[in-house]
């Protein structure tokens, strides 16, 4: 099946391919061995409570010092 690259650098996927991924709106695109590989991504909201946020930060390896540095950086005045 062919996929067309548009003038806006968008790729139109064939209907028969897309129908295999019901409920999927996003794909992670990587280049692997000279090929474009699309992997379906399910967007899930994290738990809105503080512990859910802390757990996600821990999984991502974000430390307290990372947060402190990000806040410091965000408060810098533009040059």
N, C-alpha and C. Protein backbone atom coordinates (compact mmCIF):
# COMPACT_ATOMS: atom_id res chain seq x y z
N UNK A 1 0.84 -1.18 0.00
CA UNK A 1 0.00 0.00 0.00
C UNK A 1 0.89 1.24 0.00
N UNK A 2 0.47 2.22 -0.73
CA UNK A 2 1.22 3.47 -0.81
C UNK A 2 0.72 4.48 0.21
N UNK A 3 1.65 5.28 0.73
CA UNK A 3 1.32 6.40 1.59
C UNK A 3 1.88 7.64 0.91
N UNK A 4 1.07 8.66 0.77
CA UNK A 4 1.47 9.87 0.03
C UNK A 4 2.01 10.93 0.97
N UNK A 5 3.16 11.52 0.59
CA UNK A 5 3.73 12.66 1.28
C UNK A 5 3.19 13.93 0.64
N UNK A 6 2.54 14.78 1.44
CA UNK A 6 1.95 16.00 0.90
C UNK A 6 2.97 17.13 0.87
N UNK A 7 2.59 18.25 0.27
CA UNK A 7 3.49 19.41 0.21
C UNK A 7 3.74 20.01 1.59
N UNK A 8 2.91 19.67 2.56
CA UNK A 8 3.09 20.16 3.94
C UNK A 8 3.83 19.13 4.81
N UNK A 9 4.51 18.18 4.16
CA UNK A 9 5.27 17.13 4.85
C UNK A 9 4.40 16.26 5.75
N UNK A 10 3.18 16.04 5.33
CA UNK A 10 2.29 15.14 6.04
C UNK A 10 2.14 13.87 5.22
N UNK A 11 1.96 12.75 5.92
CA UNK A 11 1.79 11.47 5.23
C UNK A 11 0.36 11.00 5.43
N UNK A 12 -0.27 10.65 4.32
CA UNK A 12 -1.62 10.10 4.37
C UNK A 12 -1.51 8.58 4.40
N UNK A 13 -2.00 7.99 5.48
CA UNK A 13 -1.94 6.53 5.61
C UNK A 13 -3.17 5.90 4.97
N UNK A 14 -2.99 4.75 4.35
CA UNK A 14 -4.13 4.06 3.75
C UNK A 14 -5.18 3.66 4.80
N UNK A 15 -6.43 3.75 4.43
CA UNK A 15 -7.53 3.42 5.33
C UNK A 15 -7.40 2.02 5.92
N UNK A 16 -6.97 1.05 5.11
CA UNK A 16 -6.83 -0.33 5.59
C UNK A 16 -5.78 -0.45 6.70
N UNK A 17 -4.79 0.42 6.68
CA UNK A 17 -3.77 0.40 7.74
C UNK A 17 -4.34 1.03 9.01
N UNK A 18 -4.97 2.20 8.86
CA UNK A 18 -5.47 2.95 10.01
C UNK A 18 -6.56 2.18 10.75
N UNK A 19 -7.38 1.43 10.03
CA UNK A 19 -8.49 0.74 10.70
C UNK A 19 -8.01 -0.35 11.65
N UNK A 20 -6.76 -0.74 11.54
CA UNK A 20 -6.18 -1.72 12.47
C UNK A 20 -5.87 -1.11 13.84
N UNK A 21 -5.95 0.23 13.94
CA UNK A 21 -5.58 0.93 15.16
C UNK A 21 -6.74 1.77 15.67
N UNK A 22 -7.84 1.10 15.98
CA UNK A 22 -9.04 1.79 16.46
C UNK A 22 -8.72 2.52 17.78
N UNK A 23 -9.18 3.76 17.87
CA UNK A 23 -8.99 4.53 19.09
C UNK A 23 -7.62 5.17 19.22
N UNK A 24 -6.76 4.98 18.23
CA UNK A 24 -5.41 5.56 18.28
C UNK A 24 -5.39 6.81 17.40
N UNK A 25 -5.02 7.93 18.00
CA UNK A 25 -4.92 9.19 17.26
C UNK A 25 -3.48 9.63 17.05
N UNK A 26 -2.56 9.06 17.83
CA UNK A 26 -1.16 9.48 17.77
C UNK A 26 -0.25 8.29 17.53
N UNK A 27 0.82 8.54 16.78
CA UNK A 27 1.84 7.53 16.51
C UNK A 27 3.20 8.16 16.78
N UNK A 28 4.09 7.40 17.39
CA UNK A 28 5.47 7.83 17.58
C UNK A 28 6.23 7.42 16.33
N UNK A 29 6.91 8.38 15.70
CA UNK A 29 7.63 8.11 14.45
C UNK A 29 9.13 8.11 14.73
N UNK A 30 9.80 7.05 14.29
CA UNK A 30 11.26 6.97 14.40
C UNK A 30 11.83 6.49 13.07
N UNK A 31 13.10 6.77 12.86
CA UNK A 31 13.79 6.25 11.68
C UNK A 31 14.65 5.09 12.16
N UNK A 32 14.50 3.95 11.50
CA UNK A 32 15.21 2.73 11.91
C UNK A 32 15.68 2.01 10.66
N UNK A 33 16.99 1.91 10.51
CA UNK A 33 17.57 1.22 9.35
C UNK A 33 17.04 1.78 8.03
N UNK A 34 16.94 3.12 7.94
CA UNK A 34 16.49 3.74 6.71
C UNK A 34 15.00 3.63 6.45
N UNK A 35 14.24 3.26 7.46
CA UNK A 35 12.78 3.14 7.33
C UNK A 35 12.09 4.02 8.36
N UNK A 36 10.90 4.44 8.04
CA UNK A 36 10.07 5.17 9.00
C UNK A 36 9.21 4.13 9.72
N UNK A 37 9.33 4.10 11.04
CA UNK A 37 8.56 3.16 11.85
C UNK A 37 7.57 3.96 12.70
N UNK A 38 6.30 3.61 12.61
CA UNK A 38 5.26 4.25 13.41
C UNK A 38 4.80 3.29 14.50
N UNK A 39 4.78 3.78 15.73
CA UNK A 39 4.29 2.97 16.85
C UNK A 39 3.09 3.67 17.46
N UNK A 40 1.98 2.97 17.66
CA UNK A 40 0.81 3.62 18.25
C UNK A 40 1.09 4.08 19.67
N UNK A 41 0.53 5.25 20.01
CA UNK A 41 0.69 5.81 21.34
C UNK A 41 -0.69 6.05 21.92
N UNK A 42 -0.89 5.55 23.11
CA UNK A 42 -2.15 5.79 23.82
C UNK A 42 -1.89 6.91 24.83
N UNK A 43 -2.62 8.00 24.70
CA UNK A 43 -2.49 9.13 25.60
C UNK A 43 -3.38 8.85 26.81
N UNK A 44 -2.74 8.76 27.97
CA UNK A 44 -3.49 8.50 29.20
C UNK A 44 -3.23 9.64 30.16
N UNK A 45 -4.28 10.18 30.73
CA UNK A 45 -4.06 11.22 31.73
C UNK A 45 -3.43 10.61 32.99
N UNK A 46 -2.45 11.33 33.55
CA UNK A 46 -1.90 10.84 34.80
C UNK A 46 -2.87 11.16 35.91
N UNK A 47 -2.70 10.48 36.99
CA UNK A 47 -3.54 10.75 38.15
C UNK A 47 -3.38 12.21 38.53
N UNK A 48 -4.47 12.89 38.79
CA UNK A 48 -4.43 14.30 39.10
C UNK A 48 -3.96 14.62 40.50
N UNK A 49 -3.78 13.58 41.34
CA UNK A 49 -3.36 13.87 42.70
C UNK A 49 -1.84 14.00 42.79
N UNK A 50 -1.39 14.57 43.87
CA UNK A 50 0.03 14.86 44.05
C UNK A 50 0.88 13.59 44.00
N UNK A 51 0.39 12.52 44.59
CA UNK A 51 1.17 11.28 44.59
C UNK A 51 1.32 10.72 43.18
N UNK A 52 0.28 10.85 42.35
CA UNK A 52 0.38 10.40 40.97
C UNK A 52 1.44 11.18 40.20
N UNK A 53 1.49 12.49 40.44
CA UNK A 53 2.50 13.33 39.79
C UNK A 53 3.89 12.95 40.26
N UNK A 54 4.05 12.74 41.56
CA UNK A 54 5.36 12.34 42.12
C UNK A 54 5.81 10.99 41.54
N UNK A 55 4.88 10.07 41.42
CA UNK A 55 5.22 8.75 40.86
C UNK A 55 5.70 8.87 39.42
N UNK A 56 5.02 9.69 38.63
CA UNK A 56 5.43 9.87 37.24
C UNK A 56 6.80 10.53 37.16
N UNK A 57 7.03 11.53 37.98
CA UNK A 57 8.34 12.19 37.99
C UNK A 57 9.44 11.20 38.36
N UNK A 58 9.17 10.33 39.30
CA UNK A 58 10.15 9.31 39.70
C UNK A 58 10.43 8.36 38.53
N UNK A 59 9.38 7.92 37.84
CA UNK A 59 9.55 7.03 36.68
C UNK A 59 10.38 7.70 35.59
N UNK A 60 10.19 9.02 35.42
CA UNK A 60 10.92 9.75 34.40
C UNK A 60 12.32 10.17 34.84
N UNK A 61 12.64 9.96 36.10
CA UNK A 61 13.97 10.32 36.60
C UNK A 61 14.13 11.80 36.87
N UNK A 62 13.02 12.49 37.12
CA UNK A 62 13.08 13.92 37.42
C UNK A 62 13.30 14.08 38.92
N UNK A 63 14.39 14.77 39.29
CA UNK A 63 14.72 14.94 40.70
C UNK A 63 14.25 16.31 41.21
N UNK A 64 14.31 16.47 42.52
CA UNK A 64 13.94 17.75 43.12
C UNK A 64 14.85 18.87 42.61
N UNK A 65 16.13 18.55 42.44
CA UNK A 65 17.06 19.57 41.94
C UNK A 65 16.73 19.95 40.49
N UNK A 66 16.22 19.00 39.69
CA UNK A 66 15.78 19.31 38.32
C UNK A 66 14.64 20.34 38.35
N UNK A 67 13.71 20.14 39.26
CA UNK A 67 12.57 21.05 39.38
C UNK A 67 13.05 22.43 39.83
N UNK A 68 13.93 22.44 40.83
CA UNK A 68 14.48 23.71 41.32
C UNK A 68 15.18 24.46 40.20
N UNK A 69 15.98 23.76 39.41
CA UNK A 69 16.69 24.38 38.29
C UNK A 69 15.72 24.88 37.22
N UNK A 70 14.66 24.13 36.95
CA UNK A 70 13.67 24.55 35.95
C UNK A 70 12.96 25.83 36.40
N UNK A 71 12.63 25.91 37.68
CA UNK A 71 11.98 27.12 38.21
C UNK A 71 12.95 28.29 38.12
N UNK A 72 14.21 28.09 38.51
CA UNK A 72 15.22 29.15 38.43
C UNK A 72 15.36 29.65 37.00
N UNK A 73 15.46 28.70 36.05
CA UNK A 73 15.59 29.05 34.64
C UNK A 73 14.39 29.85 34.14
N UNK A 74 13.18 29.42 34.55
CA UNK A 74 11.97 30.09 34.07
C UNK A 74 11.85 31.52 34.58
N UNK A 75 12.52 31.80 35.69
CA UNK A 75 12.44 33.15 36.28
C UNK A 75 13.53 34.10 35.77
N UNK A 76 14.43 33.59 34.94
CA UNK A 76 15.47 34.44 34.37
C UNK A 76 14.85 35.50 33.49
N UNK A 77 15.41 36.70 33.56
CA UNK A 77 14.93 37.77 32.68
C UNK A 77 15.56 37.62 31.31
N UNK A 78 14.77 37.84 30.26
CA UNK A 78 15.33 37.74 28.91
C UNK A 78 16.42 38.80 28.70
N UNK A 79 17.41 38.43 27.94
CA UNK A 79 18.51 39.36 27.68
C UNK A 79 18.17 40.33 26.57
